[in-house]
Amino acid sequence: MTPELLDDLKSGGEKYVRYDEDTLDQYQTDEEGNPHFFKKPEVVVFPGSTEEVASIVKLANQYLVPITPRAAGSGVACGAIPIYHGMVVELERMNKILELNANAMYAVVQTGVYCAQLQEEAKKHGLLYAADPSSASSSQVGGNVANNAGGNKAVKYGTTRNQIYALKVVTPTGDIVDVGHGCKNARLALLWNSFLLVPRERSASLRKLRSSCVPCRHTVSIWSVYSRRMKKPLPCPIRSLKPVDPTSLNIWITRPLS
């Protein structure tokens, strides 16, 4: 890491370029706990716009510095670890929901929006953002896209890639590219591109919330994704569900109240 590169990076704001030891230690890993995989970066930058990301990528090419994009760092697959050291691009400042169109059932969000934040905003409009990883409260949409995050609702609605209409991305050469387009009908085919360096803004699909729950007199039947071929569901007393706090549960009522 040369002084010239640091000076160029600071042109976007000196406080958004950090290379003190405490910061570098923080960004040497994600949720991976094995020190064997830790790799310390040489600098961490915090861009605030797509254009700033593109500028950083061009500087990385100019100075031949490895670059690692990072969202919330909640993964355990070492995806946010800078294995070649170099530069970490932390995208947490880009955390706005730019648009939520309830009629067309889509949202345009920046990469630093937390998954749970988007879910809550959709819920206010009676909609559902179906991507639901177990780390929804601590993971960002950009990281969900990069890892194609799933979750309990993936069996019915698919993983994150099945929720994407369009992406604005920065290529490895620093070009800004738009792929896909908004859809008027939520049932149209969705787009996924898995060869992206830094996802920036994205258009995500939303779905209508539907509830088929009916007051139950005695028991409910719980089916796992592997029990569809069973001839009979496994009855389970309602009281046994009280200590359970699932993120998603499909319930079939066996004896609804008349």
C-alpha atoms as a PDB file:
ATOM      1  CA  MET A   1       0.000   0.000   0.000  1.00  0.00           C
ATOM      2  CA  THR A   2       1.685   3.179  -1.213  1.00  0.00           C
ATOM      3  CA  PRO A   3       1.270   6.720   0.125  1.00  0.00           C
ATOM      4  CA  GLU A   4       0.100   7.769  -3.360  1.00  0.00           C
ATOM      5  CA  LEU A   5      -2.787   5.298  -3.288  1.00  0.00           C
ATOM      6  CA  LEU A   6      -3.793   6.389   0.208  1.00  0.00           C
ATOM      7  CA  ASP A   7      -3.824  10.026  -0.904  1.00  0.00           C
ATOM      8  CA  ASP A   8      -6.008   9.178  -3.898  1.00  0.00           C
ATOM      9  CA  LEU A   9      -8.415   7.204  -1.714  1.00  0.00           C
ATOM     10  CA  LYS A  10      -8.695  10.091   0.742  1.00  0.00           C
ATOM     11  CA  SER A  11     -10.006  12.369  -2.002  1.00  0.00           C
ATOM     12  CA  GLY A  12     -13.452  10.933  -1.203  1.00  0.00           C
ATOM     13  CA  GLY A  13     -13.126  11.866   2.467  1.00  0.00           C
ATOM     14  CA  GLU A  14     -10.244  11.125   4.811  1.00  0.00           C
ATOM     15  CA  LYS A  15     -12.502   9.744   7.562  1.00  0.00           C
ATOM     16  CA  TYR A  16     -13.709   7.038   5.168  1.00  0.00           C
ATOM     17  CA  VAL A  17     -10.212   5.614   4.699  1.00  0.00           C
ATOM     18  CA  ARG A  18      -8.889   3.695   7.693  1.00  0.00           C
ATOM     19  CA  TYR A  19      -5.672   1.801   8.209  1.00  0.00           C
ATOM     20  CA  ASP A  20      -5.202   1.864  11.968  1.00  0.00           C
ATOM     21  CA  GLU A  21      -4.461  -1.473  13.615  1.00  0.00           C
ATOM     22  CA  ASP A  22      -7.816  -1.721  15.419  1.00  0.00           C
ATOM     23  CA  THR A  23      -9.730  -1.356  12.149  1.00  0.00           C
ATOM     24  CA  LEU A  24      -7.471  -3.775  10.279  1.00  0.00           C
ATOM     25  CA  ASP A  25      -7.886  -6.368  13.050  1.00  0.00           C
ATOM     26  CA  GLN A  26     -11.663  -5.986  12.868  1.00  0.00           C
ATOM     27  CA  TYR A  27     -11.755  -6.626   9.115  1.00  0.00           C
ATOM     28  CA  GLN A  28      -9.384  -9.579   8.996  1.00  0.00           C
ATOM     29  CA  THR A  29     -12.341 -11.987   9.255  1.00  0.00           C
ATOM     30  CA  ASP A  30     -16.110 -12.269   9.078  1.00  0.00           C
ATOM     31  CA  GLU A  31     -17.908 -14.638  11.489  1.00  0.00           C
ATOM     32  CA  GLU A  32     -15.294 -17.317  10.796  1.00  0.00           C
ATOM     33  CA  GLY A  33     -13.766 -18.056  14.180  1.00  0.00           C
ATOM     34  CA  ASN A  34     -10.701 -20.047  13.128  1.00  0.00           C
ATOM     35  CA  PRO A  35      -7.603 -17.774  13.173  1.00  0.00           C
ATOM     36  CA  HIS A  36      -6.067 -20.018  10.526  1.00  0.00           C
ATOM     37  CA  PHE A  37      -8.220 -18.227   7.942  1.00  0.00           C
ATOM     38  CA  PHE A  38      -7.691 -14.657   9.189  1.00  0.00           C
ATOM     39  CA  LYS A  39      -6.041 -12.288   6.713  1.00  0.00           C
ATOM     40  CA  LYS A  40      -5.447  -8.670   7.634  1.00  0.00           C
ATOM     41  CA  PRO A  41      -6.134  -6.002   4.985  1.00  0.00           C
ATOM     42  CA  GLU A  42      -3.844  -3.053   4.445  1.00  0.00           C
ATOM     43  CA  VAL A  43      -6.618  -0.474   4.239  1.00  0.00           C
ATOM     44  CA  VAL A  44     -10.416  -0.332   4.618  1.00  0.00           C
ATOM     45  CA  VAL A  45     -12.484   2.169   2.609  1.00  0.00           C
ATOM     46  CA  PHE A  46     -16.130   3.152   3.097  1.00  0.00           C
ATOM     47  CA  PRO A  47     -17.678   4.414  -0.167  1.00  0.00           C
ATOM     48  CA  GLY A  48     -21.033   6.175  -0.102  1.00  0.00           C
ATOM     49  CA  SER A  49     -22.181   5.858  -3.717  1.00  0.00           C
ATOM     50  CA  THR A  50     -21.912   3.689  -6.799  1.00  0.00           C
ATOM     51  CA  GLU A  51     -19.607   6.236  -8.396  1.00  0.00           C
ATOM     52  CA  GLU A  52     -17.251   6.128  -5.418  1.00  0.00           C
ATOM     53  CA  VAL A  53     -17.132   2.335  -5.625  1.00  0.00           C
ATOM     54  CA  ALA A  54     -16.254   2.552  -9.332  1.00  0.00           C
ATOM     55  CA  SER A  55     -13.518   5.075  -8.575  1.00  0.00           C
ATOM     56  CA  ILE A  56     -12.037   2.822  -5.876  1.00  0.00           C
ATOM     57  CA  VAL A  57     -12.016  -0.189  -8.200  1.00  0.00           C
ATOM     58  CA  LYS A  58     -10.224   1.837 -10.883  1.00  0.00           C
ATOM     59  CA  LEU A  59      -7.596   2.918  -8.356  1.00  0.00           C
ATOM     60  CA  ALA A  60      -7.135  -0.706  -7.287  1.00  0.00           C
ATOM     61  CA  ASN A  61      -6.465  -1.588 -10.931  1.00  0.00           C
ATOM     62  CA  GLN A  62      -4.101   1.324 -11.360  1.00  0.00           C
ATOM     63  CA  TYR A  63      -2.008   0.412  -8.303  1.00  0.00           C
ATOM     64  CA  LEU A  64      -2.463  -3.369  -8.709  1.00  0.00           C
ATOM     65  CA  VAL A  65      -3.990  -3.804  -5.248  1.00  0.00           C
ATOM     66  CA  PRO A  66      -6.319  -6.757  -4.464  1.00  0.00           C
ATOM     67  CA  ILE A  67      -9.823  -5.712  -3.482  1.00  0.00           C
ATOM     68  CA  THR A  68     -12.430  -7.477  -1.329  1.00  0.00           C
ATOM     69  CA  PRO A  69     -16.020  -6.152  -1.174  1.00  0.00           C
ATOM     70  CA  ARG A  70     -17.730  -6.603   2.191  1.00  0.00           C
ATOM     71  CA  ALA A  71     -21.289  -6.294   3.448  1.00  0.00           C
ATOM     72  CA  ALA A  72     -22.131  -6.958   7.112  1.00  0.00           C
ATOM     73  CA  GLY A  73     -19.534  -9.703   7.506  1.00  0.00           C
ATOM     74  CA  SER A  74     -22.100 -12.074   9.026  1.00  0.00           C
ATOM     75  CA  GLY A  75     -21.150 -15.071   6.871  1.00  0.00           C
ATOM     76  CA  VAL A  76     -19.167 -18.088   7.981  1.00  0.00           C
ATOM     77  CA  ALA A  77     -17.848 -19.075   4.534  1.00  0.00           C
ATOM     78  CA  CYS A  78     -14.824 -16.726   4.608  1.00  0.00           C
ATOM     79  CA  GLY A  79     -16.376 -14.748   1.739  1.00  0.00           C
ATOM     80  CA  ALA A  80     -15.499 -11.377   3.264  1.00  0.00           C
ATOM     81  CA  ILE A  81     -11.943 -12.282   4.305  1.00  0.00           C
ATOM     82  CA  PRO A  82      -9.259 -10.460   2.256  1.00  0.00           C
ATOM     83  CA  ILE A  83      -7.222 -13.568   1.479  1.00  0.00           C
ATOM     84  CA  TYR A  84      -4.767 -11.528  -0.612  1.00  0.00           C
ATOM     85  CA  HIS A  85      -4.654  -8.682   1.939  1.00  0.00           C
ATOM     86  CA  GLY A  86      -4.891  -5.429  -0.018  1.00  0.00           C
ATOM     87  CA  MET A  87      -8.083  -3.360   0.280  1.00  0.00           C
ATOM     88  CA  VAL A  88     -11.463  -4.075   1.877  1.00  0.00           C
ATOM     89  CA  VAL A  89     -14.394  -2.076   0.481  1.00  0.00           C
ATOM     90  CA  GLU A  90     -16.976  -1.841   3.258  1.00  0.00           C
ATOM     91  CA  LEU A  91     -20.422  -1.006   1.808  1.00  0.00           C
ATOM     92  CA  GLU A  92     -22.322  -0.271   5.023  1.00  0.00           C
ATOM     93  CA  ARG A  93     -22.831   3.428   4.198  1.00  0.00           C
ATOM     94  CA  MET A  94     -25.038   2.532   1.242  1.00  0.00           C
ATOM     95  CA  ASN A  95     -28.010   1.587   3.397  1.00  0.00           C
ATOM     96  CA  LYS A  96     -31.083   3.244   1.896  1.00  0.00           C
ATOM     97  CA  ILE A  97     -34.322   1.826   0.541  1.00  0.00           C
ATOM     98  CA  LEU A  98     -34.587   4.057  -2.514  1.00  0.00           C
ATOM     99  CA  GLU A  99     -38.067   3.012  -3.593  1.00  0.00           C
ATOM    100  CA  LEU A 100     -40.807   0.623  -2.571  1.00  0.00           C
ATOM    101  CA  ASN A 101     -43.610   0.306  -5.114  1.00  0.00           C
ATOM    102  CA  ALA A 102     -46.471  -1.524  -3.409  1.00  0.00           C
ATOM    103  CA  ASN A 103     -48.631  -1.634  -6.551  1.00  0.00           C
ATOM    104  CA  ALA A 104     -45.965  -3.241  -8.746  1.00  0.00           C
ATOM    105  CA  MET A 105     -44.604  -5.212  -5.773  1.00  0.00           C
ATOM    106  CA  TYR A 106     -40.916  -4.349  -6.038  1.00  0.00           C
ATOM    107  CA  ALA A 107     -38.313  -2.411  -4.076  1.00  0.00           C
ATOM    108  CA  VAL A 108     -35.088  -0.683  -5.101  1.00  0.00           C
ATOM    109  CA  VAL A 109     -32.500  -0.860  -2.336  1.00  0.00           C
ATOM    110  CA  GLN A 110     -28.817  -0.217  -1.829  1.00  0.00           C
ATOM    111  CA  THR A 111     -26.452  -3.013  -0.957  1.00  0.00           C
ATOM    112  CA  GLY A 112     -26.062  -2.038   2.711  1.00  0.00           C
ATOM    113  CA  VAL A 113     -29.750  -2.425   3.601  1.00  0.00           C
ATOM    114  CA  TYR A 114     -30.276  -5.139   6.199  1.00  0.00           C
ATOM    115  CA  CYS A 115     -32.506  -7.993   5.089  1.00  0.00           C
ATOM    116  CA  ALA A 116     -34.780  -7.634   8.131  1.00  0.00           C
ATOM    117  CA  GLN A 117     -35.080  -3.912   7.436  1.00  0.00           C
ATOM    118  CA  LEU A 118     -36.424  -4.635   3.947  1.00  0.00           C
ATOM    119  CA  GLN A 119     -38.743  -7.315   5.322  1.00  0.00           C
ATOM    120  CA  GLU A 120     -40.204  -4.900   7.867  1.00  0.00           C
ATOM    121  CA  GLU A 121     -40.685  -2.151   5.299  1.00  0.00           C
ATOM    122  CA  ALA A 122     -42.463  -4.577   2.948  1.00  0.00           C
ATOM    123  CA  LYS A 123     -44.666  -5.787   5.781  1.00  0.00           C
ATOM    124  CA  LYS A 124     -45.934  -2.240   6.365  1.00  0.00           C
ATOM    125  CA  HIS A 125     -47.492  -2.409   2.892  1.00  0.00           C
ATOM    126  CA  GLY A 126     -48.941  -5.879   3.351  1.00  0.00           C
ATOM    127  CA  LEU A 127     -46.137  -7.402   1.284  1.00  0.00           C
ATOM    128  CA  LEU A 128     -43.470 -10.017   1.835  1.00  0.00           C
ATOM    129  CA  TYR A 129     -39.808  -9.970   0.892  1.00  0.00           C
ATOM    130  CA  ALA A 130     -39.410 -13.724   0.687  1.00  0.00           C
ATOM    131  CA  ALA A 131     -35.638 -14.048   1.064  1.00  0.00           C
ATOM    132  CA  ASP A 132     -35.310 -14.983   4.720  1.00  0.00           C
ATOM    133  CA  PRO A 133     -31.879 -16.204   5.865  1.00  0.00           C
ATOM    134  CA  SER A 134     -31.492 -16.999   9.542  1.00  0.00           C
ATOM    135  CA  SER A 135     -29.132 -14.014   9.741  1.00  0.00           C
ATOM    136  CA  ALA A 136     -31.766 -11.586   8.377  1.00  0.00           C
ATOM    137  CA  SER A 137     -31.300  -9.167  11.273  1.00  0.00           C
ATOM    138  CA  SER A 138     -27.520  -9.063  10.878  1.00  0.00           C
ATOM    139  CA  SER A 139     -26.932  -9.622   7.144  1.00  0.00           C
ATOM    140  CA  GLN A 140     -27.192  -7.091   4.349  1.00  0.00           C
ATOM    141  CA  VAL A 141     -28.875  -7.492   0.983  1.00  0.00           C
ATOM    142  CA  GLY A 142     -25.546  -7.221  -0.864  1.00  0.00           C
ATOM    143  CA  GLY A 143     -24.112 -10.139   1.080  1.00  0.00           C
ATOM    144  CA  ASN A 144     -27.315 -12.127   0.553  1.00  0.00           C
ATOM    145  CA  VAL A 145     -26.958 -11.638  -3.202  1.00  0.00           C
ATOM    146  CA  ALA A 146     -23.260 -12.539  -3.207  1.00  0.00           C
ATOM    147  CA  ASN A 147     -23.929 -15.789  -1.318  1.00  0.00           C
ATOM    148  CA  ASN A 148     -27.391 -16.515  -2.729  1.00  0.00           C
ATOM    149  CA  ALA A 149     -28.717 -16.724   0.830  1.00  0.00           C
ATOM    150  CA  GLY A 150     -31.648 -19.031   1.440  1.00  0.00           C
ATOM    151  CA  GLY A 151     -33.569 -19.681   4.639  1.00  0.00           C
ATOM    152  CA  ASN A 152     -36.767 -21.423   5.700  1.00  0.00           C
ATOM    153  CA  LYS A 153     -38.891 -19.832   2.995  1.00  0.00           C
ATOM    154  CA  ALA A 154     -36.581 -20.995   0.204  1.00  0.00           C
ATOM    155  CA  VAL A 155     -38.551 -24.225  -0.223  1.00  0.00           C
ATOM    156  CA  LYS A 156     -41.598 -22.241  -1.338  1.00  0.00           C
ATOM    157  CA  TYR A 157     -40.192 -18.985  -2.721  1.00  0.00           C
ATOM    158  CA  GLY A 158     -36.635 -19.830  -3.695  1.00  0.00           C
ATOM    159  CA  THR A 159     -33.361 -18.284  -2.557  1.00  0.00           C
ATOM    160  CA  THR A 160     -32.193 -14.684  -2.934  1.00  0.00           C
ATOM    161  CA  ARG A 161     -31.509 -15.024  -6.656  1.00  0.00           C
ATOM    162  CA  ASN A 162     -35.191 -15.794  -7.199  1.00  0.00           C
ATOM    163  CA  GLN A 163     -36.126 -12.412  -5.734  1.00  0.00           C
ATOM    164  CA  ILE A 164     -33.989 -10.275  -8.052  1.00  0.00           C
ATOM    165  CA  TYR A 165     -35.262  -8.325 -11.062  1.00  0.00           C
ATOM    166  CA  ALA A 166     -32.247  -6.150 -11.804  1.00  0.00           C
ATOM    167  CA  LEU A 167     -28.815  -5.165 -10.517  1.00  0.00           C
ATOM    168  CA  LYS A 168     -26.571  -2.135 -10.817  1.00  0.00           C
ATOM    169  CA  VAL A 169     -23.012  -3.422 -10.539  1.00  0.00           C
ATOM    170  CA  VAL A 170     -19.423  -2.281 -10.700  1.00  0.00           C
ATOM    171  CA  THR A 171     -17.295  -4.550 -12.861  1.00  0.00           C
ATOM    172  CA  PRO A 172     -13.682  -5.565 -12.054  1.00  0.00           C
ATOM    173  CA  THR A 173     -12.512  -2.749 -14.359  1.00  0.00           C
ATOM    174  CA  GLY A 174     -14.559  -0.090 -12.578  1.00  0.00           C
ATOM    175  CA  ASP A 175     -17.375   0.244 -15.113  1.00  0.00           C
ATOM    176  CA  ILE A 176     -20.954   0.740 -13.898  1.00  0.00           C
ATOM    177  CA  VAL A 177     -23.347  -1.686 -15.572  1.00  0.00           C
ATOM    178  CA  ASP A 178     -27.110  -2.205 -15.294  1.00  0.00           C
ATOM    179  CA  VAL A 179     -28.324  -5.766 -15.825  1.00  0.00           C
ATOM    180  CA  GLY A 180     -31.943  -6.891 -15.947  1.00  0.00           C
ATOM    181  CA  HIS A 181     -34.888  -4.519 -15.684  1.00  0.00           C
ATOM    182  CA  GLY A 182     -37.932  -3.839 -13.553  1.00  0.00           C
ATOM    183  CA  CYS A 183     -40.972  -6.033 -14.083  1.00  0.00           C
ATOM    184  CA  LYS A 184     -44.604  -4.964 -14.168  1.00  0.00           C
ATOM    185  CA  ASN A 185     -45.836  -8.376 -13.053  1.00  0.00           C
ATOM    186  CA  ALA A 186     -44.297 -10.209 -10.110  1.00  0.00           C
ATOM    187  CA  ARG A 187     -44.899 -13.526 -11.880  1.00  0.00           C
ATOM    188  CA  LEU A 188     -42.487 -12.762 -14.687  1.00  0.00           C
ATOM    189  CA  ALA A 189     -39.166 -14.562 -14.763  1.00  0.00           C
ATOM    190  CA  LEU A 190     -36.469 -13.086 -12.531  1.00  0.00           C
ATOM    191  CA  LEU A 191     -32.862 -12.386 -13.367  1.00  0.00           C
ATOM    192  CA  TRP A 192     -29.745 -13.601 -11.604  1.00  0.00           C
ATOM    193  CA  ASN A 193     -26.142 -12.850 -12.441  1.00  0.00           C
ATOM    194  CA  SER A 194     -23.592 -14.674 -10.312  1.00  0.00           C
ATOM    195  CA  PHE A 195     -20.485 -13.113 -11.830  1.00  0.00           C
ATOM    196  CA  LEU A 196     -20.587  -9.744 -10.141  1.00  0.00           C
ATOM    197  CA  LEU A 197     -17.839  -8.016  -8.230  1.00  0.00           C
ATOM    198  CA  VAL A 198     -19.697  -5.373  -6.242  1.00  0.00           C
ATOM    199  CA  PRO A 199     -23.526  -5.356  -6.347  1.00  0.00           C
ATOM    200  CA  ARG A 200     -24.721  -1.801  -5.746  1.00  0.00           C
ATOM    201  CA  GLU A 201     -28.419  -1.054  -6.107  1.00  0.00           C
ATOM    202  CA  ARG A 202     -30.860  -3.839  -6.754  1.00  0.00           C
ATOM    203  CA  SER A 203     -34.542  -4.256  -7.565  1.00  0.00           C
ATOM    204  CA  ALA A 204     -36.089  -6.962  -5.422  1.00  0.00           C
ATOM    205  CA  SER A 205     -39.430  -8.697  -5.799  1.00  0.00           C
ATOM    206  CA  LEU A 206     -42.098  -8.498  -3.117  1.00  0.00           C
ATOM    207  CA  ARG A 207     -45.056 -10.802  -2.643  1.00  0.00           C
ATOM    208  CA  LYS A 208     -48.534 -10.502  -1.188  1.00  0.00           C
ATOM    209  CA  LEU A 209     -48.820 -11.728   2.376  1.00  0.00           C
ATOM    210  CA  ARG A 210     -51.325 -14.530   2.649  1.00  0.00           C
ATOM    211  CA  SER A 211     -52.502 -16.242   5.818  1.00  0.00           C
ATOM    212  CA  SER A 212     -54.450 -19.493   5.807  1.00  0.00           C
ATOM    213  CA  CYS A 213     -54.372 -19.976   9.552  1.00  0.00           C
ATOM    214  CA  VAL A 214     -57.727 -20.959  11.073  1.00  0.00           C
ATOM    215  CA  PRO A 215     -58.397 -21.201  14.835  1.00  0.00           C
ATOM    216  CA  CYS A 216     -57.608 -24.764  15.878  1.00  0.00           C
ATOM    217  CA  ARG A 217     -59.381 -26.852  18.481  1.00  0.00           C
ATOM    218  CA  HIS A 218     -56.865 -29.539  19.343  1.00  0.00           C
ATOM    219  CA  THR A 219     -53.856 -30.264  17.144  1.00  0.00           C
ATOM    220  CA  VAL A 220     -51.872 -28.972  14.206  1.00  0.00           C
ATOM    221  CA  SER A 221     -49.901 -31.056  11.724  1.00  0.00           C
ATOM    222  CA  ILE A 222     -46.276 -30.133  11.059  1.00  0.00           C
ATOM    223  CA  TRP A 223     -44.641 -31.297   7.828  1.00  0.00           C
ATOM    224  CA  SER A 224     -40.984 -31.014   7.024  1.00  0.00           C
ATOM    225  CA  VAL A 225     -39.738 -30.605   3.449  1.00  0.00           C
ATOM    226  CA  TYR A 226     -38.873 -34.298   3.503  1.00  0.00           C
ATOM    227  CA  SER A 227     -42.283 -35.542   4.679  1.00  0.00           C
ATOM    228  CA  ARG A 228     -44.347 -34.858   1.581  1.00  0.00           C
ATOM    229  CA  ARG A 229     -44.500 -38.559   0.669  1.00  0.00           C
ATOM    230  CA  MET A 230     -45.747 -39.579   4.072  1.00  0.00           C
ATOM    231  CA  LYS A 231     -49.304 -40.897   4.064  1.00  0.00           C
ATOM    232  CA  LYS A 232     -50.210 -39.148   7.285  1.00  0.00           C
ATOM    233  CA  PRO A 233     -48.919 -35.976   8.933  1.00  0.00           C
ATOM    234  CA  LEU A 234     -47.450 -36.161  12.386  1.00  0.00           C
ATOM    235  CA  PRO A 235     -49.914 -34.645  14.891  1.00  0.00           C
ATOM    236  CA  CYS A 236     -48.376 -32.394  17.505  1.00  0.00           C
ATOM    237  CA  PRO A 237     -50.160 -30.776  20.480  1.00  0.00           C
ATOM    238  CA  ILE A 238     -50.306 -26.993  20.281  1.00  0.00           C
ATOM    239  CA  ARG A 239     -48.799 -26.623  23.730  1.00  0.00           C
ATOM    240  CA  SER A 240     -45.582 -28.223  22.483  1.00  0.00           C
ATOM    241  CA  LEU A 241     -45.067 -25.283  20.094  1.00  0.00           C
ATOM    242  CA  LYS A 242     -44.858 -22.692  22.851  1.00  0.00           C
ATOM    243  CA  PRO A 243     -41.100 -22.944  23.538  1.00  0.00           C
ATOM    244  CA  VAL A 244     -40.351 -22.916  19.805  1.00  0.00           C
ATOM    245  CA  ASP A 245     -39.528 -19.605  18.136  1.00  0.00           C
ATOM    246  CA  PRO A 246     -39.181 -20.427  14.418  1.00  0.00           C
ATOM    247  CA  THR A 247     -38.609 -17.790  11.751  1.00  0.00           C
ATOM    248  CA  SER A 248     -41.056 -19.495   9.430  1.00  0.00           C
ATOM    249  CA  LEU A 249     -43.608 -22.261   9.899  1.00  0.00           C
ATOM    250  CA  ASN A 250     -46.251 -23.659   7.570  1.00  0.00           C
ATOM    251  CA  ILE A 251     -49.279 -24.979   9.433  1.00  0.00           C
ATOM    252  CA  TRP A 252     -52.086 -27.195   8.171  1.00  0.00           C
ATOM    253  CA  ILE A 253     -55.155 -27.244  10.398  1.00  0.00           C
ATOM    254  CA  THR A 254     -56.646 -30.680  10.950  1.00  0.00           C
ATOM    255  CA  ARG A 255     -59.741 -29.669  12.944  1.00  0.00           C
ATOM    256  CA  PRO A 256     -60.798 -26.057  12.295  1.00  0.00           C
ATOM    257  CA  LEU A 257     -63.536 -24.490  14.346  1.00  0.00           C
ATOM    258  CA  SER A 258     -66.850 -24.403  12.509  1.00  0.00           C
END
